[in-house]
Protein backbone atom coordinates (compact mmCIF):
# COMPACT_ATOMS: atom_id res chain seq x y z
CA MET A 1 6.07 93.84 49.71
CA LYS A 2 7.40 92.84 46.07
CA GLN A 3 9.66 90.03 45.72
CA PHE A 4 13.28 90.33 44.80
CA ARG A 5 14.36 88.34 42.04
CA PRO A 6 17.26 88.33 40.87
CA ARG A 7 18.53 88.84 37.34
CA TRP A 8 21.47 86.28 37.43
CA VAL A 9 18.48 83.78 38.76
CA ILE A 10 16.32 84.63 35.67
CA LEU A 11 19.68 84.15 33.54
CA SER A 12 20.50 81.20 34.46
CA ALA A 13 16.82 80.00 34.37
CA LEU A 14 16.90 80.68 30.83
CA ILE A 15 20.15 79.10 29.60
CA LEU A 16 18.83 75.71 31.18
CA ILE A 17 15.49 76.42 29.10
CA CYS A 18 17.95 76.33 26.17
CA GLY A 19 19.98 73.45 27.13
CA ILE A 20 23.01 75.43 25.96
CA LEU A 21 25.36 74.16 28.53
CA THR A 22 28.07 72.87 26.19
CA VAL A 23 31.74 73.52 26.31
CA TYR A 24 33.23 74.74 23.30
CA THR A 25 36.80 74.30 21.63
CA PHE A 26 38.01 77.10 19.25
CA VAL A 27 40.21 76.43 16.50
CA ASP A 28 41.71 78.38 13.36
CA VAL A 29 40.45 77.11 10.30
CA PRO A 30 41.36 77.49 6.87
CA GLU A 31 39.77 80.44 4.71
CA GLU A 32 37.96 78.48 2.25
CA ALA A 33 36.07 76.54 4.68
CA SER A 34 34.19 79.57 5.65
CA LEU A 35 33.72 83.53 6.13
CA ALA A 36 35.45 84.45 9.78
CA SER A 37 34.16 88.01 9.99
CA GLY A 38 35.86 88.40 13.45
CA GLU A 39 34.25 90.32 16.43
CA GLY A 40 32.31 93.01 15.04
CA SER A 41 33.96 92.81 11.86
CA VAL A 42 32.62 92.11 8.23
CA ARG A 43 34.56 90.13 5.72
CA CYS A 44 33.32 89.16 2.30
CA ARG A 45 34.16 86.96 -0.65
CA GLY A 46 32.93 87.35 -4.41
CA TYR A 47 32.29 84.84 -7.06
CA SER A 48 32.84 85.17 -10.33
CA ALA A 49 29.95 82.64 -11.83
CA ASN A 50 27.57 84.39 -13.93
CA GLU A 51 24.13 83.24 -12.82
CA THR A 52 20.72 84.96 -12.24
CA ILE A 53 17.68 83.66 -10.17
CA ASP A 54 14.55 83.57 -12.49
CA VAL A 55 12.09 86.67 -11.55
CA THR A 56 9.22 85.04 -13.52
CA ARG A 57 9.30 82.68 -10.99
CA PRO A 58 7.78 82.11 -7.36
CA LEU A 59 11.22 82.38 -5.16
CA ASN A 60 10.87 79.40 -2.78
CA ILE A 61 12.54 79.78 0.55
CA ALA A 62 12.78 77.83 3.87
CA VAL A 63 14.20 79.19 7.21
CA TRP A 64 15.12 76.39 9.93
CA ASN A 65 17.05 76.30 12.94
CA ILE A 66 18.93 73.37 12.67
CA TYR A 67 19.71 72.30 16.40
CA LYS A 68 23.46 71.56 15.30
CA GLN A 69 22.06 68.11 13.83
CA GLN A 70 21.89 66.49 17.43
CA LEU A 71 18.25 64.68 16.78
CA ASP A 72 17.31 61.69 14.40
CA GLY A 73 15.79 62.78 11.11
CA TRP A 74 17.57 66.28 10.14
CA GLU A 75 18.68 64.82 6.92
CA ALA A 76 15.47 63.23 5.67
CA GLU A 77 13.68 66.57 6.61
CA LEU A 78 16.19 68.81 5.07
CA SER A 79 15.73 66.00 1.81
CA GLU A 80 12.12 67.89 1.99
CA LEU A 81 13.17 70.89 2.18
CA SER A 82 15.21 71.17 -0.83
CA LYS A 83 12.75 69.52 -3.01
CA ASP A 84 10.78 73.17 -3.23
CA ASN A 85 13.36 75.38 -2.35
CA ALA A 86 15.69 77.20 -3.83
CA ILE A 87 17.27 78.80 -0.87
CA ILE A 88 17.35 77.33 3.03
CA LEU A 89 18.83 79.71 5.74
CA LEU A 90 20.22 77.32 8.24
CA GLN A 91 21.03 78.45 12.15
CA GLU A 92 23.13 76.41 14.21
CA ALA A 93 24.38 74.45 11.14
CA GLN A 94 27.55 72.43 12.35
CA SER A 95 30.29 71.30 9.73
CA LYS A 96 30.26 67.63 10.67
CA PRO A 97 30.47 64.98 7.77
CA GLN A 98 27.37 64.03 7.25
CA LEU A 99 25.91 67.79 6.31
CA LEU A 100 28.59 68.25 4.33
CA SER A 101 28.36 65.20 1.66
CA TYR A 102 24.33 66.30 2.07
CA ILE A 103 25.66 69.52 0.58
CA GLU A 104 27.62 67.48 -2.28
CA ARG A 105 25.36 65.10 -2.95
CA GLU A 106 22.67 67.39 -3.75
CA GLY A 107 24.65 69.96 -5.19
CA TRP A 108 23.54 72.52 -3.33
CA HIS A 109 25.85 75.84 -3.34
CA SER A 110 26.97 76.50 0.18
CA ASN A 111 28.15 79.25 2.16
CA GLN A 112 28.66 79.30 6.21
CA ALA A 113 29.63 82.01 8.78
CA TYR A 114 32.35 80.95 11.51
CA ALA A 115 31.07 81.61 14.38
CA PHE A 116 33.22 79.14 16.01
CA ALA A 117 34.11 75.54 16.36
CA ILE A 118 33.48 72.37 18.09
CA LYS A 119 36.27 69.78 18.26
CA GLY A 120 37.07 71.29 14.19
CA GLU A 121 34.04 71.32 13.06
CA ILE A 122 32.47 74.84 12.13
CA ALA A 123 29.46 76.25 14.13
CA GLY A 124 26.96 79.21 12.31
CA VAL A 125 24.82 80.02 10.08
CA MET A 126 24.95 78.29 7.11
CA THR A 127 23.06 79.74 3.29
CA LEU A 128 21.95 76.97 0.59
CA SER A 129 21.44 78.43 -2.67
CA GLU A 130 20.52 76.60 -6.19
CA VAL A 131 22.27 80.02 -7.94
CA VAL A 132 25.21 81.10 -7.20
CA PRO A 133 25.71 84.11 -5.49
CA LYS A 134 27.90 87.08 -6.37
CA LYS A 135 28.92 88.26 -3.25
CA VAL A 136 28.57 86.81 0.79
CA CYS A 137 29.74 88.67 3.77
CA ALA A 138 30.00 87.48 7.45
CA TYR A 139 29.15 89.20 10.54
CA THR A 140 29.44 87.91 13.98
CA LYS A 141 28.79 89.56 17.44
CA ILE A 142 29.61 87.32 20.82
CA GLU A 143 27.20 87.25 23.70
CA PRO A 144 28.17 89.21 26.63
CA TYR A 145 27.32 86.54 28.97
CA LEU A 146 28.05 83.04 27.68
CA ARG A 147 31.09 85.05 25.11
CA LEU A 148 29.81 82.33 22.19
CA PRO A 149 29.67 84.69 18.89
CA LYS A 150 26.69 84.54 16.53
CA SER A 151 26.38 85.22 13.17
CA ALA A 152 24.94 86.50 10.64
CA LEU A 153 25.43 85.52 6.49
CA TYR A 154 24.75 88.00 3.70
CA SER A 155 24.34 87.19 -0.20
CA ALA A 156 23.57 89.27 -2.81
CA PHE A 157 22.26 87.13 -5.91
CA SER A 158 21.71 88.75 -9.78
CA LEU A 159 18.64 88.61 -10.68
CA SER A 160 17.42 88.24 -14.52
CA ASN A 161 16.31 91.35 -15.06
CA GLY A 162 19.20 92.76 -13.68
CA LYS A 163 18.71 93.91 -10.25
CA THR A 164 19.77 92.23 -6.90
CA LEU A 165 18.01 89.73 -4.10
CA SER A 166 19.84 90.48 -0.53
CA VAL A 167 19.33 88.09 1.75
CA ILE A 168 20.34 87.93 5.53
CA ASN A 169 20.02 84.58 7.54
CA LEU A 170 20.38 85.71 11.37
CA HIS A 171 21.11 84.11 14.47
CA SER A 172 20.48 86.92 16.94
CA ILE A 173 22.50 87.14 20.19
CA ASN A 174 19.99 85.86 22.88
CA PHE A 175 21.15 86.57 26.81
CA THR A 176 21.37 89.88 27.72
CA PHE A 177 20.36 92.14 30.46
CA GLY A 178 18.27 94.97 28.23
CA VAL A 179 18.16 94.87 24.51
CA GLU A 180 21.39 97.64 24.02
CA GLU A 181 23.36 94.03 22.74
CA TYR A 182 20.59 92.79 21.04
CA LYS A 183 20.19 96.00 19.24
CA GLU A 184 23.94 96.76 18.21
CA GLN A 185 23.88 93.35 16.52
CA LEU A 186 20.98 94.49 14.40
CA HIS A 187 21.45 97.70 13.71
CA SER A 188 24.72 97.04 12.63
CA LEU A 189 23.25 94.46 9.51
CA VAL A 190 20.79 97.50 8.73
CA ASP A 191 23.53 99.83 8.58
CA ALA A 192 25.14 97.47 5.91
CA VAL A 193 21.88 97.51 3.88
CA ARG A 194 20.82 100.63 4.82
CA ASP A 195 21.60 102.27 0.99
CA ILE A 196 21.35 98.62 -1.07
CA LYS A 197 18.38 99.10 -3.54
CA GLY A 198 16.04 96.22 -4.86
CA PRO A 199 14.07 93.02 -2.84
CA ILE A 200 15.46 91.73 0.25
CA ILE A 201 14.51 89.08 2.83
CA ILE A 202 15.63 89.10 6.29
CA ALA A 203 15.00 85.60 8.32
CA GLY A 204 16.27 83.73 10.93
CA ASP A 205 16.45 83.08 14.70
CA PHE A 206 15.67 86.23 16.02
CA ASN A 207 15.42 85.29 19.66
CA THR A 208 12.60 87.67 20.00
CA TRP A 209 11.60 86.15 23.62
CA SER A 210 10.44 89.39 24.79
CA GLU A 211 8.27 92.40 23.79
CA GLU A 212 11.51 94.76 24.37
CA ARG A 213 13.26 93.03 21.54
CA LEU A 214 10.19 92.86 19.08
CA ASP A 215 9.80 95.94 19.71
CA VAL A 216 13.37 96.46 18.76
CA VAL A 217 13.14 94.19 15.47
CA LYS A 218 10.21 96.02 14.01
CA MET A 219 11.41 99.44 14.57
CA GLU A 220 15.11 98.20 12.57
CA LEU A 221 13.47 96.63 9.77
CA GLU A 222 10.55 99.24 9.33
CA GLU A 223 12.99 101.35 8.32
CA LEU A 224 13.76 99.50 5.45
CA GLY A 225 10.69 98.98 4.34
CA LEU A 226 10.85 94.91 5.05
CA LYS A 227 7.06 93.75 6.51
CA GLU A 228 6.56 90.11 8.24
CA ALA A 229 5.57 87.29 6.89
CA GLN A 230 2.20 85.69 8.24
CA TYR A 231 1.89 82.01 8.16
CA SER A 232 -0.85 79.78 7.00
CA SER A 233 -0.22 77.48 9.73
CA ASP A 234 2.01 78.59 12.86
CA ASP A 235 4.04 75.94 14.71
CA ARG A 236 6.98 78.62 15.54
CA LEU A 237 9.03 77.92 18.26
CA THR A 238 7.96 80.17 21.36
CA VAL A 239 9.68 81.11 24.68
CA PHE A 240 7.42 83.26 27.60
CA GLY A 241 4.97 83.70 24.45
CA TYR A 242 6.80 84.87 21.96
CA PRO A 243 7.89 83.36 18.49
CA LEU A 244 11.79 83.19 17.32
CA ASP A 245 11.91 82.85 14.14
CA HIS A 246 10.79 85.30 11.65
CA LEU A 247 10.88 86.27 7.91
CA PHE A 248 10.67 89.63 6.54
CA TYR A 249 10.92 90.56 3.20
CA ARG A 250 11.17 94.02 0.57
CA GLU A 251 9.66 94.64 -2.69
CA LEU A 252 8.63 91.19 -2.88
CA GLU A 253 4.62 90.08 -2.35
CA LEU A 254 4.08 86.95 -0.58
CA ASP A 255 2.08 84.24 -2.23
CA ASP A 256 2.03 81.76 0.70
CA SER A 257 3.78 80.72 3.66
CA ARG A 258 3.95 78.60 6.66
CA SER A 259 5.97 77.16 9.43
CA LYS A 260 5.68 73.82 10.53
CA LYS A 261 6.97 71.50 13.58
CA THR A 262 9.22 68.28 13.34
CA SER A 263 11.01 66.32 15.52
CA ALA A 264 14.24 66.61 13.64
CA SER A 265 14.96 70.18 15.78
CA ASP A 266 13.38 72.20 18.46
CA HIS A 267 12.65 74.67 15.98
CA ALA A 268 9.54 74.53 13.71
CA PHE A 269 11.17 75.04 10.09
CA ILE A 270 9.31 77.96 8.38
CA GLU A 271 8.70 77.71 4.39
CA ALA A 272 7.40 80.79 2.46
CA SER A 273 7.15 81.67 -1.53
CA LEU A 274 8.01 85.02 -2.82
CA ILE A 275 6.82 86.38 -5.72
CA PHE A 276 9.07 89.35 -7.45
CA PRO A 277 6.14 91.85 -8.94
CA SER A 278 6.00 92.69 -12.55
CA GLU A 279 7.43 96.00 -13.71
């Protein structure tokens, strides 16, 4: 006789595993503090800075779910990542004073998607960059059961060859039955960049803890011509045997990439060195 396993029991187990039984306070935040898109909508901001990324040099990028800076050592780890990377994509960043002070002290340009706020401190994906982007857009999608928004941030960087590099920092929704809501979030982002020309990087915490979710990601991103980075060392966090964090790229050449565990977060970080092909 086949054993009956209620879906709500499975969902409850997933919530306990991921440790996100937290009470959140939602507050209004001034516009200049972040990009608050609103459910299912997009909000953008432009910058007038005339800065470019040099295409004659490799582009080093890091991807890291920083776990709301809850564990000791996150600042030291972030400082190490800052030494070699021109762009850092953070998920589960929380705009606590220590992180904001770090950003100001190190001279990073930063943008954060306003997913929600905890005691007035914004939570959501954050993109740090040496070069000021020419445009940044935020998008949020509410988890269907936990009712907490997950966020994405699109950044457009001018390149020294006159083209534009598009970078999407993504934290995918987690708890769903089936993949319809999951696919909807990713499909919205794919639609937003479908007609954009030039190199693209899409990276972050995709919450790909099932084969179905991995299939959705591959199908959506292959439509855009993106390839997935393969790692010389792979310590990425896995759930049910599937890695959660990924980096995809297009019109770039992968020189090197690796993933390394850290005690400063439950997620390992990803580092990749990408080369702009000569014309």
